[in-house]
Amino acid sequence: MAEGRPTALADGSVIHSDPESLSGVPVFVGTRVPIQTLVDYLDGGCSVDEFLDNFPTVRREQVHAFLEQATAALLARRVA
């Protein structure tokens, strides 16, 4: 893992989307790993550790932050 590589944006988001990179597919900040790849791994029964083993540019903290942000967004929608 590259030291000094950003793992979050100023607003705390660990997701970044840039039309100039991967056609705007949302990726983990500081990587070219699509968020959908994590979702696919988890949906397929893989663990976070398996995902991280295969995508070492993503940090554990990023995965946990994404899962927390996604959970909060889903719960907020359910309440609204």
C-alpha atoms as a PDB file:
ATOM      1  CA  MET A   1       0.000   0.000   0.000  1.00  0.00           C
ATOM      2  CA  ALA A   2       1.292   3.408  -0.870  1.00  0.00           C
ATOM      3  CA  GLU A   3       1.939   5.567   2.176  1.00  0.00           C
ATOM      4  CA  GLY A   4       0.618   9.085   1.853  1.00  0.00           C
ATOM      5  CA  ARG A   5      -2.092   8.021  -0.601  1.00  0.00           C
ATOM      6  CA  PRO A   6      -5.398   9.693   0.314  1.00  0.00           C
ATOM      7  CA  THR A   7      -8.013   7.315   1.695  1.00  0.00           C
ATOM      8  CA  ALA A   8     -10.857   9.809   2.083  1.00  0.00           C
ATOM      9  CA  LEU A   9     -12.010  13.119   0.679  1.00  0.00           C
ATOM     10  CA  ALA A  10     -12.214  16.274   2.803  1.00  0.00           C
ATOM     11  CA  ASP A  11     -15.879  15.521   3.550  1.00  0.00           C
ATOM     12  CA  GLY A  12     -14.952  12.063   4.893  1.00  0.00           C
ATOM     13  CA  SER A  13     -16.234  10.158   1.878  1.00  0.00           C
ATOM     14  CA  VAL A  14     -14.200   7.126   0.840  1.00  0.00           C
ATOM     15  CA  ILE A  15     -15.898   7.053  -2.572  1.00  0.00           C
ATOM     16  CA  HIS A  16     -14.757   9.056  -5.576  1.00  0.00           C
ATOM     17  CA  SER A  17     -16.188   9.335  -9.067  1.00  0.00           C
ATOM     18  CA  ASP A  18     -14.429  11.055 -11.960  1.00  0.00           C
ATOM     19  CA  PRO A  19     -15.731  10.970 -15.542  1.00  0.00           C
ATOM     20  CA  GLU A  20     -12.091  10.974 -16.692  1.00  0.00           C
ATOM     21  CA  SER A  21     -11.325   7.757 -14.783  1.00  0.00           C
ATOM     22  CA  LEU A  22     -13.131   4.457 -15.421  1.00  0.00           C
ATOM     23  CA  SER A  23     -15.968   6.397 -17.103  1.00  0.00           C
ATOM     24  CA  GLY A  24     -17.088   7.809 -13.760  1.00  0.00           C
ATOM     25  CA  VAL A  25     -17.567   4.463 -12.004  1.00  0.00           C
ATOM     26  CA  PRO A  26     -17.468   5.094  -8.220  1.00  0.00           C
ATOM     27  CA  VAL A  27     -14.166   3.847  -6.765  1.00  0.00           C
ATOM     28  CA  PHE A  28     -12.422   3.843  -3.408  1.00  0.00           C
ATOM     29  CA  VAL A  29     -10.504   7.116  -2.970  1.00  0.00           C
ATOM     30  CA  GLY A  30      -6.869   6.768  -4.031  1.00  0.00           C
ATOM     31  CA  THR A  31      -7.516   3.574  -6.017  1.00  0.00           C
ATOM     32  CA  ARG A  32      -9.054   2.360  -9.252  1.00  0.00           C
ATOM     33  CA  VAL A  33     -11.072  -0.313  -7.408  1.00  0.00           C
ATOM     34  CA  PRO A  34     -14.817   0.065  -8.033  1.00  0.00           C
ATOM     35  CA  ILE A  35     -17.120   0.043  -5.018  1.00  0.00           C
ATOM     36  CA  GLN A  36     -19.246  -2.488  -6.928  1.00  0.00           C
ATOM     37  CA  THR A  37     -16.361  -4.962  -6.697  1.00  0.00           C
ATOM     38  CA  LEU A  38     -16.634  -4.981  -2.889  1.00  0.00           C
ATOM     39  CA  VAL A  39     -20.414  -5.373  -3.110  1.00  0.00           C
ATOM     40  CA  ASP A  40     -19.997  -8.281  -5.544  1.00  0.00           C
ATOM     41  CA  TYR A  41     -17.462  -9.987  -3.263  1.00  0.00           C
ATOM     42  CA  LEU A  42     -19.712  -9.671  -0.216  1.00  0.00           C
ATOM     43  CA  ASP A  43     -22.782 -10.739  -2.196  1.00  0.00           C
ATOM     44  CA  GLY A  44     -20.854 -13.800  -3.354  1.00  0.00           C
ATOM     45  CA  GLY A  45     -20.137 -14.846   0.225  1.00  0.00           C
ATOM     46  CA  CYS A  46     -16.547 -13.623   0.423  1.00  0.00           C
ATOM     47  CA  SER A  47     -15.213 -11.909   3.512  1.00  0.00           C
ATOM     48  CA  VAL A  48     -13.767  -8.429   3.762  1.00  0.00           C
ATOM     49  CA  ASP A  49     -10.380 -10.079   4.347  1.00  0.00           C
ATOM     50  CA  GLU A  50     -10.660 -11.965   1.047  1.00  0.00           C
ATOM     51  CA  PHE A  51     -11.525  -8.736  -0.745  1.00  0.00           C
ATOM     52  CA  LEU A  52      -8.595  -6.900   0.845  1.00  0.00           C
ATOM     53  CA  ASP A  53      -6.217  -9.744  -0.009  1.00  0.00           C
ATOM     54  CA  ASN A  54      -7.174  -9.383  -3.670  1.00  0.00           C
ATOM     55  CA  PHE A  55      -7.235  -5.568  -3.726  1.00  0.00           C
ATOM     56  CA  PRO A  56      -4.335  -4.403  -1.537  1.00  0.00           C
ATOM     57  CA  THR A  57      -4.679  -0.755  -2.603  1.00  0.00           C
ATOM     58  CA  VAL A  58      -7.942  -0.568  -0.632  1.00  0.00           C
ATOM     59  CA  ARG A  59      -7.502  -0.121   3.099  1.00  0.00           C
ATOM     60  CA  ARG A  60      -9.597  -1.845   5.733  1.00  0.00           C
ATOM     61  CA  GLU A  61     -10.614   1.561   7.120  1.00  0.00           C
ATOM     62  CA  GLN A  62     -12.041   2.490   3.722  1.00  0.00           C
ATOM     63  CA  VAL A  63     -14.162  -0.666   3.582  1.00  0.00           C
ATOM     64  CA  HIS A  64     -15.480  -0.112   7.098  1.00  0.00           C
ATOM     65  CA  ALA A  65     -16.204   3.561   6.396  1.00  0.00           C
ATOM     66  CA  PHE A  66     -18.031   2.670   3.166  1.00  0.00           C
ATOM     67  CA  LEU A  67     -20.149   0.044   4.937  1.00  0.00           C
ATOM     68  CA  GLU A  68     -20.985   2.509   7.728  1.00  0.00           C
ATOM     69  CA  GLN A  69     -21.906   5.239   5.216  1.00  0.00           C
ATOM     70  CA  ALA A  70     -24.014   2.832   3.141  1.00  0.00           C
ATOM     71  CA  THR A  71     -25.818   1.544   6.237  1.00  0.00           C
ATOM     72  CA  ALA A  72     -26.541   5.080   7.452  1.00  0.00           C
ATOM     73  CA  ALA A  73     -27.870   6.077   4.017  1.00  0.00           C
ATOM     74  CA  LEU A  74     -30.154   3.043   3.858  1.00  0.00           C
ATOM     75  CA  LEU A  75     -31.471   3.580   7.376  1.00  0.00           C
ATOM     76  CA  ALA A  76     -32.101   7.264   6.658  1.00  0.00           C
ATOM     77  CA  ARG A  77     -34.124   6.337   3.561  1.00  0.00           C
ATOM     78  CA  ARG A  78     -36.155   3.834   5.551  1.00  0.00           C
ATOM     79  CA  VAL A  79     -37.033   6.424   8.194  1.00  0.00           C
ATOM     80  CA  ALA A  80     -37.858   9.191   5.720  1.00  0.00           C
END
